[in-house]
Amino acid sequence: MSETLTFLKQKFSEYYRENTENIHAPKSLEKREFGFFVFKENIMVRHKSFMSEHKLKDFLAASTPSDIYYSSAYYETPEAPMSKKRVLGADLIFDIDSDHLARKCKNEHDYWTCRSCKNATIGKHPAFCPRCNGDSFKKETWLCEICLESAKAETIKLVEFLTSDFSFPQEDIKLCFSGQRGYHVSVDKDDIKQLDQAARKEIVDYISGTGLRIEQYGWRTMGHGKSRELIGPDLSDPNWYGRIARGVFGLISSSSVKELEQLGIRKSKAEIIVKNKDFMLKNWNRKTNWRTIKNIDEKTFEKIIQHVIKNNRVTAVIDTVVTTDMHRLIRLPCSLHGKTGLMATEIEVNNLENFDPFMDAIAFKRGKIECYIKEAHQFRIEDKDFGPYTRENVMLPMAAAVFLMCKNLAKPKGNITLE
């Protein structure tokens, strides 16, 4: 095992020995399957179970995995091969991953490494390596504040769907920062544990607006000419009805001609909407017969409505496979993430907006160590920025050093101070 992995295993072992009281086993522990990544081999060990929280904590302190997961499913025999486990039920879980977001900043901080010649470059990898013509690449992602804020915004939308549209109480919704790129959301409620894959897929489709047709929500036109009216949902309606109505109302009330053009609306029609928006909004605010204006046809409104649906759905970052596959493993809260050294941190639903991964998920708050850093973007730990670095020796706080070592961008030089 390399010097860096030896050091990381030592620090992870210290964490699990010193923080056993913070690690809590999932509900019905004895019915869960556990899986682990170990430092030396970097392979997953699965099909393990624990009969008590005490045994789980002892295992963590003794074996020191780099990552630890547990099943969303409850099994009759969790240690048996998959075909013989016998599913008794499963939590409803969602994986919100910023890696799925199409943000421009990803081309500035994500990078790839050619597996053949080790050539590394920022941005999306090509079809073939320009140095050796190899076609196998290792993708590396960075912890970007912009990406993580976007993932948090999508998580907030997801929670709103779960509490409003599905009426799940907040106390049944568990939130956890994954320790790297996003958030895990699980619903721990007895009456959803028996949902099959098809039912779970329907929930994902609803939240993501998949297959959503405008006519499903009462949108149609009546009359002709100046008397033509658009019949639609009321602003106070629940679920997608009200969400679409409020979205259209807000977009019309605040958009400029240029912004409407960006939705694919012709400039002449955009100008008519902006000029007459006060008349339109006055009517929309008091009745579901949304009086329209001359020369604004249904196709124009359809573009606006489709944009509202796109902005309100959570489709971009929900990993559908995670939600529909009842055999998936999910990261154990308060465990460490092997690619960052950050904690998978539990979050109160009403505190999600204030959660800061770079403040609240720090595991190693004591000591400094000198590192040799190959290359690293600028990053923040707590209230201090570090980097960028290129082939240099730097004395770093332990959390920053562990973060770079987990990403294989730094190695320890040996000079450690405790403070």
Protein backbone atom coordinates (compact mmCIF):
# COMPACT_ATOMS: atom_id res chain seq x y z
CA MET A 1 0.00 0.00 0.00
CA SER A 2 1.36 3.44 -0.93
CA GLU A 3 2.50 6.03 1.61
CA THR A 4 -0.56 8.16 0.83
CA LEU A 5 -3.05 5.30 1.29
CA THR A 6 -1.33 4.28 4.52
CA PHE A 7 -1.69 7.83 5.84
CA LEU A 8 -5.36 8.07 4.77
CA LYS A 9 -6.21 4.74 6.37
CA GLN A 10 -4.60 5.96 9.60
CA LYS A 11 -6.65 9.17 9.58
CA PHE A 12 -9.89 7.34 8.72
CA SER A 13 -9.19 4.87 11.53
CA GLU A 14 -8.71 7.75 13.99
CA TYR A 15 -12.01 9.25 12.87
CA TYR A 16 -13.99 6.04 13.42
CA ARG A 17 -12.38 5.41 16.80
CA GLU A 18 -13.00 8.95 18.04
CA ASN A 19 -16.50 9.46 16.61
CA THR A 20 -18.30 6.21 17.30
CA GLU A 21 -21.03 8.06 19.21
CA ASN A 22 -21.91 10.09 16.09
CA ILE A 23 -22.45 7.07 13.84
CA HIS A 24 -25.96 5.69 14.04
CA ALA A 25 -27.12 2.48 12.43
CA PRO A 26 -30.08 2.60 10.04
CA LYS A 27 -33.49 1.42 11.14
CA SER A 28 -33.89 -2.41 11.24
CA LEU A 29 -30.12 -2.82 11.12
CA GLU A 30 -30.18 -6.63 11.22
CA LYS A 31 -32.20 -6.74 7.96
CA ARG A 32 -29.81 -4.56 5.97
CA GLU A 33 -26.98 -5.58 3.69
CA PHE A 34 -23.73 -3.62 4.08
CA GLY A 35 -21.00 -3.01 1.54
CA PHE A 36 -17.53 -1.51 1.91
CA PHE A 37 -14.66 -0.23 -0.17
CA VAL A 38 -11.30 -1.08 1.38
CA PHE A 39 -8.18 1.04 0.94
CA LYS A 40 -5.64 -1.51 -0.27
CA GLU A 41 -7.55 -3.25 -3.04
CA ASN A 42 -10.09 -0.50 -3.81
CA ILE A 43 -12.75 -3.16 -4.34
CA MET A 44 -16.21 -3.44 -2.84
CA VAL A 45 -16.96 -6.12 -0.27
CA ARG A 46 -20.70 -6.84 -0.07
CA HIS A 47 -23.24 -9.14 1.59
CA LYS A 48 -22.28 -8.35 5.18
CA SER A 49 -24.73 -7.75 8.01
CA PHE A 50 -24.63 -6.72 11.67
CA MET A 51 -26.90 -7.78 14.49
CA SER A 52 -26.23 -4.67 16.58
CA GLU A 53 -25.02 -1.10 16.27
CA HIS A 54 -22.15 -1.97 18.60
CA LYS A 55 -20.86 -4.66 16.22
CA LEU A 56 -21.08 -2.24 13.28
CA LYS A 57 -19.02 0.37 15.11
CA ASP A 58 -16.44 -2.20 16.18
CA PHE A 59 -16.10 -3.30 12.57
CA LEU A 60 -15.53 0.27 11.35
CA ALA A 61 -12.85 0.93 13.96
CA ALA A 62 -11.07 -2.37 13.27
CA SER A 63 -11.23 -2.63 9.46
CA THR A 64 -11.29 1.07 8.45
CA PRO A 65 -13.06 1.01 5.07
CA SER A 66 -12.67 3.97 2.73
CA ASP A 67 -16.45 3.98 2.10
CA ILE A 68 -19.40 2.28 3.78
CA TYR A 69 -22.88 1.66 2.38
CA TYR A 70 -26.08 -0.03 3.49
CA SER A 71 -29.03 -1.34 1.52
CA SER A 72 -32.21 0.61 1.04
CA ALA A 73 -33.90 -2.81 1.12
CA TYR A 74 -34.80 -4.98 4.10
CA TYR A 75 -33.84 -8.62 3.59
CA GLU A 76 -34.78 -11.86 5.28
CA THR A 77 -31.14 -13.04 5.00
CA PRO A 78 -28.95 -10.02 4.10
CA GLU A 79 -25.70 -12.03 4.01
CA ALA A 80 -26.99 -14.50 1.42
CA PRO A 81 -26.24 -14.18 -2.32
CA MET A 82 -28.52 -11.68 -4.06
CA SER A 83 -30.82 -14.34 -5.48
CA LYS A 84 -31.48 -15.77 -2.00
CA LYS A 85 -31.78 -12.66 0.17
CA ARG A 86 -35.60 -12.31 -0.18
CA VAL A 87 -36.68 -8.67 -0.16
CA LEU A 88 -39.08 -7.70 2.62
CA GLY A 89 -39.42 -4.06 1.56
CA ALA A 90 -37.31 -0.99 0.79
CA ASP A 91 -37.04 2.67 1.65
CA LEU A 92 -37.78 5.18 -1.10
CA ILE A 93 -34.48 6.86 -1.91
CA PHE A 94 -33.30 9.58 -4.29
CA ASP A 95 -29.75 10.41 -5.37
CA ILE A 96 -29.20 14.07 -6.30
CA ASP A 97 -25.84 14.28 -8.06
CA SER A 98 -24.30 17.54 -9.30
CA ASP A 99 -22.29 15.51 -11.80
CA HIS A 100 -25.49 15.21 -13.84
CA LEU A 101 -25.91 18.98 -14.07
CA ALA A 102 -24.87 20.59 -17.36
CA ARG A 103 -22.95 23.51 -15.82
CA LYS A 104 -20.39 25.47 -17.84
CA CYS A 105 -17.99 25.45 -14.90
CA LYS A 106 -17.51 21.68 -15.28
CA ASN A 107 -15.31 22.36 -18.31
CA GLU A 108 -13.13 24.51 -16.07
CA HIS A 109 -12.61 22.12 -13.16
CA ASP A 110 -13.41 18.50 -14.13
CA TYR A 111 -10.57 16.63 -15.80
CA TRP A 112 -9.73 13.28 -17.33
CA THR A 113 -6.73 10.96 -17.29
CA CYS A 114 -5.79 8.55 -20.08
CA ARG A 115 -5.45 5.08 -18.59
CA SER A 116 -2.71 4.19 -21.08
CA CYS A 117 -0.26 7.11 -20.97
CA LYS A 118 -1.58 9.00 -17.90
CA ASN A 119 -2.06 12.17 -19.93
CA ALA A 120 -4.43 14.46 -17.99
CA THR A 121 -6.39 17.46 -19.25
CA ILE A 122 -9.20 19.66 -17.93
CA GLY A 123 -12.61 19.37 -19.61
CA LYS A 124 -14.51 16.55 -21.28
CA HIS A 125 -12.34 13.72 -22.55
CA PRO A 126 -12.05 13.23 -26.35
CA ALA A 127 -12.85 10.05 -28.22
CA PHE A 128 -9.12 9.27 -28.39
CA CYS A 129 -6.18 10.49 -26.36
CA PRO A 130 -4.20 13.07 -28.42
CA ARG A 131 -0.92 11.72 -27.01
CA CYS A 132 -1.22 7.93 -27.40
CA ASN A 133 -4.54 7.47 -29.25
CA GLY A 134 -5.92 5.43 -26.34
CA ASP A 135 -9.67 5.29 -25.84
CA SER A 136 -9.96 4.49 -22.12
CA PHE A 137 -10.17 7.38 -19.66
CA LYS A 138 -10.61 7.94 -15.94
CA LYS A 139 -12.97 10.82 -15.22
CA GLU A 140 -12.23 13.02 -12.22
CA THR A 141 -14.70 15.53 -10.79
CA TRP A 142 -13.99 18.51 -8.58
CA LEU A 143 -15.97 19.82 -5.61
CA CYS A 144 -17.24 23.05 -7.12
CA GLU A 145 -19.32 25.42 -5.00
CA ILE A 146 -21.46 26.41 -7.99
CA CYS A 147 -22.26 22.78 -8.82
CA LEU A 148 -23.04 21.93 -5.19
CA GLU A 149 -25.32 24.96 -4.80
CA SER A 150 -27.18 23.84 -7.92
CA ALA A 151 -27.55 20.33 -6.48
CA LYS A 152 -28.86 21.82 -3.23
CA ALA A 153 -31.45 23.87 -5.16
CA GLU A 154 -32.65 20.70 -6.90
CA THR A 155 -32.81 18.90 -3.55
CA ILE A 156 -34.96 21.70 -2.13
CA LYS A 157 -37.32 21.26 -5.10
CA LEU A 158 -37.44 17.51 -4.52
CA VAL A 159 -38.31 17.94 -0.84
CA GLU A 160 -41.09 20.35 -1.82
CA PHE A 161 -42.55 17.70 -4.15
CA LEU A 162 -42.38 15.06 -1.42
CA THR A 163 -44.00 17.20 1.28
CA SER A 164 -46.53 19.03 -0.89
CA ASP A 165 -47.55 16.68 -3.70
CA PHE A 166 -47.09 13.39 -1.83
CA SER A 167 -47.89 14.71 1.67
CA PHE A 168 -44.92 13.00 3.33
CA PRO A 169 -44.31 14.53 6.78
CA GLN A 170 -40.93 16.23 7.18
CA GLU A 171 -40.01 13.85 9.99
CA ASP A 172 -40.24 10.90 7.56
CA ILE A 173 -37.79 12.51 5.12
CA LYS A 174 -34.08 11.99 5.77
CA LEU A 175 -31.52 14.25 4.08
CA CYS A 176 -27.81 13.57 3.83
CA PHE A 177 -24.98 15.32 2.03
CA SER A 178 -23.18 12.51 0.21
CA GLY A 179 -19.71 13.71 1.13
CA GLN A 180 -18.87 14.59 -2.44
CA ARG A 181 -21.11 15.73 -5.29
CA GLY A 182 -24.65 15.88 -4.00
CA TYR A 183 -27.39 14.76 -1.64
CA HIS A 184 -29.29 11.63 -0.71
CA VAL A 185 -32.97 11.85 0.19
CA SER A 186 -34.83 8.90 1.68
CA VAL A 187 -38.40 8.41 2.83
CA ASP A 188 -38.73 6.15 5.86
CA LYS A 189 -42.44 5.40 5.94
CA ASP A 190 -44.02 1.98 6.41
CA ASP A 191 -46.71 2.34 3.75
CA ILE A 192 -44.17 2.98 0.95
CA LYS A 193 -41.81 0.11 1.76
CA GLN A 194 -43.83 -2.36 -0.31
CA LEU A 195 -43.89 -0.25 -3.47
CA ASP A 196 -42.60 -2.23 -6.45
CA GLN A 197 -40.22 -0.92 -9.11
CA ALA A 198 -43.06 0.23 -11.38
CA ALA A 199 -44.62 2.34 -8.61
CA ARG A 200 -41.24 3.88 -7.76
CA LYS A 201 -40.71 4.69 -11.44
CA GLU A 202 -44.09 6.48 -11.50
CA ILE A 203 -42.98 8.66 -8.59
CA VAL A 204 -39.79 9.59 -10.43
CA ASP A 205 -41.75 10.29 -13.63
CA TYR A 206 -44.12 12.59 -11.74
CA ILE A 207 -41.35 14.56 -10.03
CA SER A 208 -39.36 14.82 -13.26
CA GLY A 209 -42.41 15.83 -15.33
CA THR A 210 -41.78 12.91 -17.67
CA GLY A 211 -44.61 12.54 -20.17
CA LEU A 212 -46.40 15.56 -18.71
CA ARG A 213 -48.89 16.90 -21.26
CA ILE A 214 -50.40 20.34 -20.97
CA GLU A 215 -53.95 19.14 -21.60
CA GLN A 216 -53.66 16.88 -18.57
CA TYR A 217 -53.81 19.96 -16.39
CA GLY A 218 -56.84 21.65 -17.89
CA TRP A 219 -55.21 23.92 -20.45
CA ARG A 220 -57.47 24.60 -23.42
CA THR A 221 -58.86 27.56 -25.34
CA MET A 222 -62.46 28.72 -25.67
CA GLY A 223 -64.01 31.36 -27.89
CA HIS A 224 -62.59 33.31 -30.81
CA GLY A 225 -60.93 36.63 -31.48
CA LYS A 226 -61.05 39.15 -28.63
CA SER A 227 -63.26 36.86 -26.57
CA ARG A 228 -60.79 33.97 -26.75
CA GLU A 229 -59.80 32.70 -23.34
CA LEU A 230 -57.23 30.24 -22.13
CA ILE A 231 -58.73 27.89 -19.56
CA GLY A 232 -56.15 26.74 -17.07
CA PRO A 233 -55.46 25.91 -13.44
CA ASP A 234 -55.85 28.40 -10.62
CA LEU A 235 -52.84 30.00 -8.94
CA SER A 236 -53.82 28.40 -5.63
CA ASP A 237 -54.26 24.88 -7.06
CA PRO A 238 -52.11 22.11 -5.56
CA ASN A 239 -49.53 19.86 -7.26
CA TRP A 240 -48.51 20.43 -10.88
CA TYR A 241 -51.73 22.41 -11.50
CA GLY A 242 -50.77 25.32 -9.28
CA ARG A 243 -47.04 24.91 -9.94
CA ILE A 244 -47.58 25.51 -13.65
CA ALA A 245 -50.05 28.35 -13.10
CA ARG A 246 -47.77 30.19 -10.68
CA GLY A 247 -44.78 29.59 -12.93
CA VAL A 248 -46.50 31.07 -15.99
CA PHE A 249 -47.78 34.00 -13.92
CA GLY A 250 -44.28 34.70 -12.55
CA LEU A 251 -42.59 34.37 -15.92
CA ILE A 252 -45.01 36.73 -17.68
CA SER A 253 -44.83 39.28 -14.85
CA SER A 254 -41.02 39.49 -14.83
CA SER A 255 -39.75 38.65 -18.32
CA SER A 256 -38.45 41.12 -20.88
CA VAL A 257 -38.92 40.82 -24.62
CA LYS A 258 -35.41 39.42 -24.96
CA GLU A 259 -36.01 36.78 -22.28
CA LEU A 260 -39.24 35.67 -23.97
CA GLU A 261 -37.40 35.45 -27.31
CA GLN A 262 -34.92 33.07 -25.66
CA LEU A 263 -37.85 30.68 -25.10
CA GLY A 264 -38.38 30.50 -28.86
CA ILE A 265 -41.16 33.12 -28.99
CA ARG A 266 -41.13 35.45 -31.98
CA LYS A 267 -40.11 39.01 -31.16
CA SER A 268 -43.43 40.47 -32.35
CA LYS A 269 -45.40 38.18 -30.06
CA ALA A 270 -43.00 38.78 -27.15
CA GLU A 271 -43.55 42.52 -27.52
CA ILE A 272 -47.33 42.06 -27.44
CA ILE A 273 -47.11 39.97 -24.26
CA VAL A 274 -44.89 42.49 -22.46
CA LYS A 275 -47.07 45.41 -23.56
CA ASN A 276 -50.27 43.75 -22.38
CA LYS A 277 -49.03 41.77 -19.39
CA ASP A 278 -50.81 43.94 -16.80
CA PHE A 279 -54.15 43.23 -18.47
CA MET A 280 -53.39 39.52 -18.65
CA LEU A 281 -52.16 39.20 -15.08
CA LYS A 282 -55.10 41.13 -13.65
CA ASN A 283 -57.48 38.55 -15.10
CA TRP A 284 -55.31 35.56 -14.19
CA ASN A 285 -55.10 36.61 -10.58
CA ARG A 286 -58.83 36.31 -10.00
CA LYS A 287 -60.11 33.47 -12.16
CA THR A 288 -59.07 30.32 -14.02
CA ASN A 289 -60.32 31.75 -17.34
CA TRP A 290 -57.03 33.33 -18.32
CA ARG A 291 -58.10 35.97 -20.83
CA THR A 292 -55.54 36.21 -23.60
CA ILE A 293 -54.96 38.88 -26.22
CA LYS A 294 -55.21 39.09 -29.96
CA ASN A 295 -52.42 37.50 -32.00
CA ILE A 296 -51.14 35.36 -29.10
CA ASP A 297 -51.91 31.78 -30.07
CA GLU A 298 -51.84 28.52 -28.13
CA LYS A 299 -48.41 27.56 -29.47
CA THR A 300 -46.89 30.67 -27.91
CA PHE A 301 -48.33 29.81 -24.52
CA GLU A 302 -47.26 26.21 -24.94
CA LYS A 303 -43.62 27.35 -25.21
CA ILE A 304 -44.01 29.33 -22.00
CA ILE A 305 -45.69 26.43 -20.19
CA GLN A 306 -43.05 23.94 -21.35
CA HIS A 307 -40.34 26.26 -20.03
CA VAL A 308 -42.13 26.44 -16.66
CA ILE A 309 -42.35 22.63 -16.52
CA LYS A 310 -38.63 22.37 -17.30
CA ASN A 311 -37.75 24.82 -14.51
CA ASN A 312 -39.94 23.09 -11.92
CA ARG A 313 -39.04 19.44 -12.53
CA VAL A 314 -36.10 17.72 -10.85
CA THR A 315 -35.21 15.46 -13.75
CA ALA A 316 -31.66 16.66 -14.41
CA VAL A 317 -30.10 15.24 -11.27
CA ILE A 318 -32.28 12.40 -10.01
CA ASP A 319 -30.58 9.08 -10.73
CA THR A 320 -33.67 7.10 -11.76
CA VAL A 321 -31.89 3.76 -11.34
CA VAL A 322 -31.17 4.49 -7.68
CA THR A 323 -34.83 5.16 -6.90
CA THR A 324 -36.32 2.26 -8.87
CA ASP A 325 -33.73 -0.41 -7.99
CA MET A 326 -34.74 -1.82 -4.61
CA HIS A 327 -31.34 -3.51 -4.20
CA ARG A 328 -29.26 -0.30 -4.25
CA LEU A 329 -26.78 0.58 -1.54
CA ILE A 330 -26.71 4.07 -0.02
CA ARG A 331 -23.87 5.76 1.87
CA LEU A 332 -24.05 5.47 5.67
CA PRO A 333 -24.65 8.87 7.33
CA CYS A 334 -21.68 10.21 9.34
CA SER A 335 -19.28 7.88 7.49
CA LEU A 336 -16.38 9.30 5.46
CA HIS A 337 -16.26 9.64 1.70
CA GLY A 338 -13.14 7.98 0.30
CA LYS A 339 -12.74 10.51 -2.52
CA THR A 340 -12.89 13.65 -0.36
CA GLY A 341 -12.44 12.79 3.31
CA LEU A 342 -15.65 14.71 4.03
CA MET A 343 -18.50 13.33 6.15
CA ALA A 344 -21.74 12.07 4.71
CA THR A 345 -23.64 14.60 6.81
CA GLU A 346 -27.23 14.36 8.01
CA ILE A 347 -29.24 17.56 7.54
CA GLU A 348 -32.50 18.72 9.08
CA VAL A 349 -35.07 19.33 6.34
CA ASN A 350 -35.74 22.89 7.49
CA ASN A 351 -32.00 23.64 7.61
CA LEU A 352 -31.06 22.50 4.11
CA GLU A 353 -30.94 26.06 2.75
CA ASN A 354 -28.26 27.00 5.30
CA PHE A 355 -26.15 23.85 4.92
CA ASP A 356 -22.57 24.48 3.75
CA PRO A 357 -20.66 21.30 2.77
CA PHE A 358 -17.31 23.07 3.13
CA MET A 359 -18.13 24.08 6.72
CA ASP A 360 -20.53 21.47 8.04
CA ALA A 361 -19.04 18.27 6.57
CA ILE A 362 -15.45 18.73 7.76
CA ALA A 363 -14.21 15.64 9.62
CA PHE A 364 -10.58 16.53 10.37
CA LYS A 365 -10.37 19.79 12.29
CA ARG A 366 -7.07 19.33 14.13
CA GLY A 367 -3.50 19.45 12.93
CA LYS A 368 -1.53 20.42 9.84
CA ILE A 369 0.69 18.41 7.52
CA GLU A 370 3.19 19.30 4.83
CA CYS A 371 2.21 17.88 1.42
CA TYR A 372 3.67 17.69 -2.03
CA ILE A 373 0.85 18.76 -4.36
CA LYS A 374 0.97 17.70 -7.98
CA GLU A 375 -1.75 20.03 -9.18
CA ALA A 376 -5.02 21.32 -7.74
CA HIS A 377 -7.69 23.89 -8.47
CA GLN A 378 -8.60 26.51 -5.91
CA PHE A 379 -10.89 25.14 -3.22
CA ARG A 380 -12.36 26.17 0.13
CA ILE A 381 -12.23 24.41 3.48
CA GLU A 382 -14.26 26.13 6.21
CA ASP A 383 -13.67 29.88 5.78
CA LYS A 384 -10.31 29.74 3.95
CA ASP A 385 -9.44 29.34 0.27
CA PHE A 386 -6.51 27.17 -0.84
CA GLY A 387 -4.67 26.93 -4.15
CA PRO A 388 -4.39 26.71 -6.99
CA TYR A 389 -1.23 24.61 -6.67
CA THR A 390 1.21 23.14 -9.18
CA ARG A 391 4.09 20.84 -8.15
CA GLU A 392 4.87 22.45 -4.80
CA ASN A 393 5.28 21.65 -1.11
CA VAL A 394 2.65 23.26 1.12
CA MET A 395 1.75 23.07 4.82
CA LEU A 396 -2.01 22.48 4.89
CA PRO A 397 -4.71 22.05 7.55
CA MET A 398 -5.50 18.36 7.91
CA ALA A 399 -8.92 18.57 6.22
CA ALA A 400 -7.45 20.26 3.12
CA ALA A 401 -4.55 17.79 2.97
CA VAL A 402 -6.81 14.75 3.31
CA PHE A 403 -9.11 16.16 0.63
CA LEU A 404 -6.26 16.41 -1.90
CA MET A 405 -4.80 13.04 -0.94
CA CYS A 406 -8.19 11.36 -1.41
CA LYS A 407 -8.23 12.81 -4.93
CA ASN A 408 -4.69 11.49 -5.53
CA LEU A 409 -3.42 15.03 -6.08
CA ALA A 410 -1.09 15.20 -3.08
CA LYS A 411 1.10 13.01 -0.90
CA PRO A 412 2.33 13.49 2.68
CA LYS A 413 5.84 14.86 3.28
CA GLY A 414 5.90 13.78 6.93
CA ASN A 415 5.97 17.06 8.88
CA ILE A 416 2.84 17.07 11.06
CA THR A 417 1.80 19.61 13.67
CA LEU A 418 -1.08 19.13 16.11
CA GLU A 419 -3.04 22.21 17.11
